[in-house]
Amino acid sequence: MKQKHDTSTKRYALASFARKVGRMLVVMASLFLAGISMLVGLLRLLSRGKPKPFVDERGRPLPGSISEKVFVPINGVQQGMFIKSKDDRNPVLLYLHGGLSDYFLTRRYPTGLENYFTVVWWEQRGSGLSYHADIPAETMTLEQLISDTLAVTNYLRQRFGKDKIYLIGHSGGTFVGIQAVARAPELYSAYPRDAQRMNPIHCTEESVLLVRALPSPLQEKHGSSLPSKKRPLEMEKLDRSLSLVYYRVNESIIERKAV
């Protein structure tokens, strides 16, 4: 009898423990789901998601304006862009960002360009809206970025019914932009640019030379690993070829067109 009583007590204890564990798991799962819901809500609140429309003094959407986030298949990759304009009949301006897609800065530092242009803040392959973990690494090349630029240009020309658009580049984007314009100058009304880069390799090398000129503690720390001051012949050739592209574009586009 005692053995049966002990067995019954153990079973009861195990059942009670199982019920407690079950309740704890339910509570933990509920808290986890509640946390996820709160996180999703917070992200929705903070996310810019859909751009705010342009409105008139009564808060109604401005007729003919455009303020949208779109995704377009460009050379096999879905790529995103923000399009902003108070009048979609305005000239189209495609912006090429540098190393960082910087549309997010316009919230704090508005440019006012949408008053005069239909501004397209394209986020290039592998950046921002156009990032995908499965983008083939072999497509992340300068040649591909130039091809993408021309494809986006043609998409915008077709969508807005324009023979030509304006192309503007900033920093690293200028290195792509100037070559896109050189290849198809007939697609562009003008190519204004900011912080034009002609030869990233040369810029890096010049930065190294500046580091060499810094005070000795930094030289002692990094000097032994820095490359020689002597410029390889390949760099000299690249300098000349890029300079030739630059002057050709100047002659064919920039100097003959008013922005």
Protein backbone atom coordinates (compact mmCIF):
# COMPACT_ATOMS: atom_id res chain seq x y z
CA MET A 1 0.00 0.00 0.00
CA LYS A 2 2.78 2.36 0.92
CA GLN A 3 4.49 1.72 -2.45
CA LYS A 4 1.25 2.51 -4.32
CA HIS A 5 0.81 5.67 -2.26
CA ASP A 6 4.38 6.81 -3.05
CA THR A 7 3.84 6.13 -6.76
CA SER A 8 0.59 8.11 -6.74
CA THR A 9 2.29 10.99 -4.95
CA LYS A 10 5.12 11.07 -7.50
CA ARG A 11 2.65 11.07 -10.38
CA TYR A 12 0.72 13.92 -8.81
CA ALA A 13 3.92 15.87 -8.25
CA LEU A 14 5.03 15.32 -11.85
CA ALA A 15 1.62 16.35 -13.18
CA SER A 16 1.67 19.47 -11.02
CA PHE A 17 5.19 20.32 -12.18
CA ALA A 18 4.17 19.79 -15.82
CA ARG A 19 1.20 22.14 -15.37
CA LYS A 20 3.45 24.81 -13.86
CA VAL A 21 5.97 24.46 -16.67
CA GLY A 22 3.14 24.65 -19.21
CA ARG A 23 1.78 27.84 -17.62
CA MET A 24 5.29 29.34 -17.60
CA LEU A 25 5.78 28.52 -21.27
CA VAL A 26 2.40 30.07 -22.13
CA VAL A 27 3.31 33.23 -20.19
CA MET A 28 6.74 33.42 -21.84
CA ALA A 29 5.24 32.91 -25.31
CA SER A 30 2.64 35.60 -24.60
CA LEU A 31 5.32 38.04 -23.46
CA PHE A 32 7.44 37.23 -26.49
CA LEU A 33 4.54 37.82 -28.89
CA ALA A 34 3.62 41.03 -27.07
CA GLY A 35 7.22 42.21 -27.39
CA ILE A 36 7.25 41.44 -31.10
CA SER A 37 3.97 43.31 -31.57
CA MET A 38 5.35 46.34 -29.72
CA LEU A 39 8.54 46.24 -31.78
CA VAL A 40 6.60 46.05 -35.06
CA GLY A 41 4.42 48.94 -33.93
CA LEU A 42 7.46 51.01 -32.98
CA LEU A 43 9.15 50.32 -36.31
CA ARG A 44 6.01 51.32 -38.16
CA LEU A 45 5.83 54.50 -36.13
CA LEU A 46 9.46 55.42 -36.74
CA SER A 47 9.72 54.15 -40.30
CA ARG A 48 9.36 56.67 -43.10
CA GLY A 49 7.58 53.93 -45.07
CA LYS A 50 5.39 55.86 -47.44
CA PRO A 51 6.62 59.43 -48.12
CA LYS A 52 4.32 62.23 -47.03
CA PRO A 53 2.31 63.74 -49.90
CA PHE A 54 2.60 67.37 -50.89
CA VAL A 55 -0.48 69.24 -49.67
CA ASP A 56 -2.04 72.67 -50.17
CA GLU A 57 -2.90 75.19 -47.47
CA ARG A 58 -6.02 73.16 -46.61
CA GLY A 59 -4.08 69.95 -46.17
CA ARG A 60 -5.37 68.39 -49.38
CA PRO A 61 -3.02 66.54 -51.78
CA LEU A 62 -1.48 68.97 -54.27
CA PRO A 63 -2.85 68.29 -57.79
CA GLY A 64 -0.18 66.95 -60.14
CA SER A 65 2.30 66.31 -57.33
CA ILE A 66 4.08 63.04 -56.74
CA SER A 67 5.60 61.64 -53.55
CA GLU A 68 6.20 57.92 -53.66
CA LYS A 69 8.51 55.03 -52.97
CA VAL A 70 8.71 52.61 -55.89
CA PHE A 71 10.55 49.43 -56.77
CA VAL A 72 11.57 48.73 -60.34
CA PRO A 73 13.37 45.72 -61.86
CA ILE A 74 16.69 47.08 -63.12
CA ASN A 75 19.00 44.66 -64.94
CA GLY A 76 17.63 41.68 -63.04
CA VAL A 77 17.55 43.24 -59.56
CA GLN A 78 14.59 44.90 -57.86
CA GLN A 79 15.76 48.43 -57.05
CA GLY A 80 14.08 51.13 -55.01
CA MET A 81 13.78 54.88 -55.34
CA PHE A 82 11.91 57.83 -53.90
CA ILE A 83 10.29 60.18 -56.41
CA LYS A 84 9.30 63.67 -55.26
CA SER A 85 7.83 66.60 -57.16
CA LYS A 86 5.21 69.30 -56.65
CA ASP A 87 4.45 69.06 -60.36
CA ASP A 88 5.17 65.87 -62.28
CA ARG A 89 5.46 67.90 -65.51
CA ASN A 90 8.72 69.39 -64.23
CA PRO A 91 12.06 68.25 -65.69
CA VAL A 92 13.28 64.95 -64.26
CA LEU A 93 16.42 64.99 -62.10
CA LEU A 94 18.09 61.65 -61.27
CA TYR A 95 20.34 61.82 -58.21
CA LEU A 96 23.32 59.47 -57.85
CA HIS A 97 24.39 59.12 -54.24
CA GLY A 98 27.93 58.36 -53.09
CA GLY A 99 28.89 55.56 -50.75
CA LEU A 100 25.79 56.12 -48.63
CA SER A 101 22.22 56.43 -49.89
CA ASP A 102 21.29 59.76 -48.31
CA TYR A 103 17.63 60.44 -49.07
CA PHE A 104 16.95 60.13 -45.33
CA LEU A 105 18.86 63.38 -44.78
CA THR A 106 16.24 65.38 -46.70
CA ARG A 107 13.86 65.15 -43.76
CA ARG A 108 16.15 67.30 -41.63
CA TYR A 109 17.90 69.12 -44.47
CA PRO A 110 15.31 69.70 -47.22
CA THR A 111 16.78 70.58 -50.62
CA GLY A 112 13.79 72.34 -52.19
CA LEU A 113 14.61 70.65 -55.52
CA GLU A 114 11.10 69.20 -55.74
CA ASN A 115 9.83 72.74 -56.39
CA TYR A 116 11.60 72.79 -59.76
CA PHE A 117 12.24 69.14 -60.70
CA THR A 118 10.76 65.71 -60.43
CA VAL A 119 13.56 64.46 -58.18
CA VAL A 120 14.44 60.78 -58.21
CA TRP A 121 16.42 59.59 -55.19
CA TRP A 122 17.52 56.24 -56.57
CA GLU A 123 19.21 53.93 -54.07
CA GLN A 124 21.74 52.01 -56.14
CA ARG A 125 22.25 48.25 -56.35
CA GLY A 126 23.27 46.93 -52.94
CA SER A 127 22.32 50.13 -51.07
CA GLY A 128 19.28 51.03 -48.98
CA LEU A 129 16.04 50.03 -50.69
CA SER A 130 18.03 48.16 -53.33
CA TYR A 131 19.86 45.89 -50.90
CA HIS A 132 19.28 42.16 -51.26
CA ALA A 133 21.40 39.51 -49.56
CA ASP A 134 21.29 37.35 -52.67
CA ILE A 135 22.66 39.92 -55.14
CA PRO A 136 25.47 38.10 -57.01
CA ALA A 137 28.80 39.46 -55.83
CA GLU A 138 30.15 39.43 -59.38
CA THR A 139 27.54 42.04 -60.39
CA MET A 140 28.79 44.60 -57.87
CA THR A 141 31.07 46.32 -60.35
CA LEU A 142 31.55 49.80 -61.76
CA GLU A 143 30.44 48.56 -65.17
CA GLN A 144 27.19 47.24 -63.67
CA LEU A 145 26.49 50.51 -61.86
CA ILE A 146 26.94 52.44 -65.10
CA SER A 147 24.59 50.03 -66.87
CA ASP A 148 22.05 50.37 -64.05
CA THR A 149 22.23 54.16 -64.30
CA LEU A 150 21.43 54.07 -68.00
CA ALA A 151 18.58 51.60 -67.37
CA VAL A 152 17.06 53.82 -64.64
CA THR A 153 17.44 56.81 -66.95
CA ASN A 154 15.47 55.06 -69.69
CA TYR A 155 12.79 53.96 -67.20
CA LEU A 156 12.32 57.58 -66.12
CA ARG A 157 12.31 58.90 -69.68
CA GLN A 158 9.58 56.44 -70.61
CA ARG A 159 7.52 56.95 -67.46
CA PHE A 160 7.51 60.74 -67.57
CA GLY A 161 7.58 61.14 -71.35
CA LYS A 162 10.92 62.95 -71.51
CA ASP A 163 13.48 62.83 -74.30
CA LYS A 164 16.20 63.81 -71.84
CA ILE A 165 16.62 64.09 -68.09
CA TYR A 166 19.07 65.81 -65.77
CA LEU A 167 21.66 63.71 -63.98
CA ILE A 168 23.36 64.90 -60.81
CA GLY A 169 26.05 63.05 -58.89
CA HIS A 170 27.56 63.47 -55.47
CA SER A 171 30.97 62.17 -54.37
CA GLY A 172 31.26 58.50 -55.37
CA GLY A 173 28.14 58.88 -57.50
CA THR A 174 30.00 61.31 -59.76
CA PHE A 175 32.46 58.59 -60.75
CA VAL A 176 29.53 56.58 -62.12
CA GLY A 177 27.61 59.57 -63.46
CA ILE A 178 30.36 61.07 -65.58
CA GLN A 179 30.90 57.75 -67.36
CA ALA A 180 27.17 57.20 -67.91
CA VAL A 181 26.94 60.64 -69.51
CA ALA A 182 30.04 59.97 -71.63
CA ARG A 183 28.45 56.79 -73.01
CA ALA A 184 25.02 58.22 -73.76
CA PRO A 185 25.14 62.05 -73.81
CA GLU A 186 21.95 62.14 -75.89
CA LEU A 187 19.95 61.02 -72.83
CA TYR A 188 20.86 63.98 -70.64
CA SER A 189 20.05 67.69 -70.66
CA ALA A 190 22.95 68.45 -68.33
CA TYR A 191 25.21 66.86 -65.75
CA PRO A 192 25.72 69.11 -62.70
CA ARG A 193 27.83 67.42 -60.03
CA ASP A 194 29.08 67.94 -56.51
CA ALA A 195 32.48 66.75 -55.23
CA GLN A 196 33.42 65.18 -58.56
CA ARG A 197 35.68 62.15 -58.21
CA MET A 198 37.84 61.20 -61.16
CA ASN A 199 40.14 58.50 -59.84
CA PRO A 200 39.39 56.77 -56.50
CA ILE A 201 42.71 54.91 -56.66
CA HIS A 202 44.58 58.18 -57.00
CA CYS A 203 42.52 59.73 -54.17
CA THR A 204 43.43 56.82 -51.91
CA GLU A 205 47.07 57.10 -52.83
CA GLU A 206 47.07 60.84 -52.13
CA SER A 207 45.48 60.14 -48.73
CA VAL A 208 48.33 57.74 -47.99
CA LEU A 209 50.86 60.44 -48.86
CA LEU A 210 49.10 62.84 -46.50
CA VAL A 211 49.29 60.25 -43.72
CA ARG A 212 53.03 59.95 -44.37
CA ALA A 213 53.34 63.69 -43.77
CA LEU A 214 51.68 63.47 -40.34
CA PRO A 215 53.69 63.64 -37.06
CA SER A 216 56.05 60.79 -36.29
CA PRO A 217 53.91 58.78 -33.78
CA LEU A 218 51.46 57.93 -36.57
CA GLN A 219 54.32 57.25 -38.95
CA GLU A 220 55.86 54.86 -36.43
CA LYS A 221 52.54 53.06 -36.06
CA HIS A 222 51.60 52.77 -39.74
CA GLY A 223 54.60 53.80 -41.78
CA SER A 224 56.05 50.36 -42.35
CA SER A 225 52.81 49.06 -43.90
CA LEU A 226 52.18 51.98 -46.23
CA PRO A 227 52.88 51.66 -49.95
CA SER A 228 55.73 53.38 -51.70
CA LYS A 229 55.42 57.04 -52.73
CA LYS A 230 56.34 56.13 -56.28
CA ARG A 231 53.27 56.00 -58.52
CA PRO A 232 52.97 52.82 -60.61
CA LEU A 233 52.73 53.26 -64.38
CA GLU A 234 49.21 51.75 -64.32
CA MET A 235 47.99 54.59 -62.09
CA GLU A 236 49.46 57.19 -64.42
CA LYS A 237 47.67 55.59 -67.37
CA LEU A 238 44.40 55.48 -65.43
CA ASP A 239 44.77 59.16 -64.54
CA ARG A 240 45.18 60.08 -68.20
CA SER A 241 42.27 57.95 -69.41
CA LEU A 242 39.88 59.31 -66.78
CA SER A 243 40.96 62.87 -67.48
CA LEU A 244 40.20 62.26 -71.16
CA VAL A 245 36.68 61.07 -70.27
CA TYR A 246 36.20 64.15 -68.10
CA TYR A 247 37.17 66.61 -70.82
CA ARG A 248 35.10 64.84 -73.46
CA VAL A 249 32.04 65.10 -71.24
CA ASN A 250 32.80 68.75 -70.54
CA GLU A 251 32.96 69.50 -74.25
CA SER A 252 29.88 67.49 -75.24
CA ILE A 253 27.55 68.22 -72.32
CA ILE A 254 28.47 70.52 -69.50
CA GLU A 255 29.83 73.55 -71.33
CA ARG A 256 27.11 73.52 -74.01
CA LYS A 257 24.12 73.09 -71.69
CA ALA A 258 22.62 75.43 -69.12
CA VAL A 259 21.40 73.76 -65.95
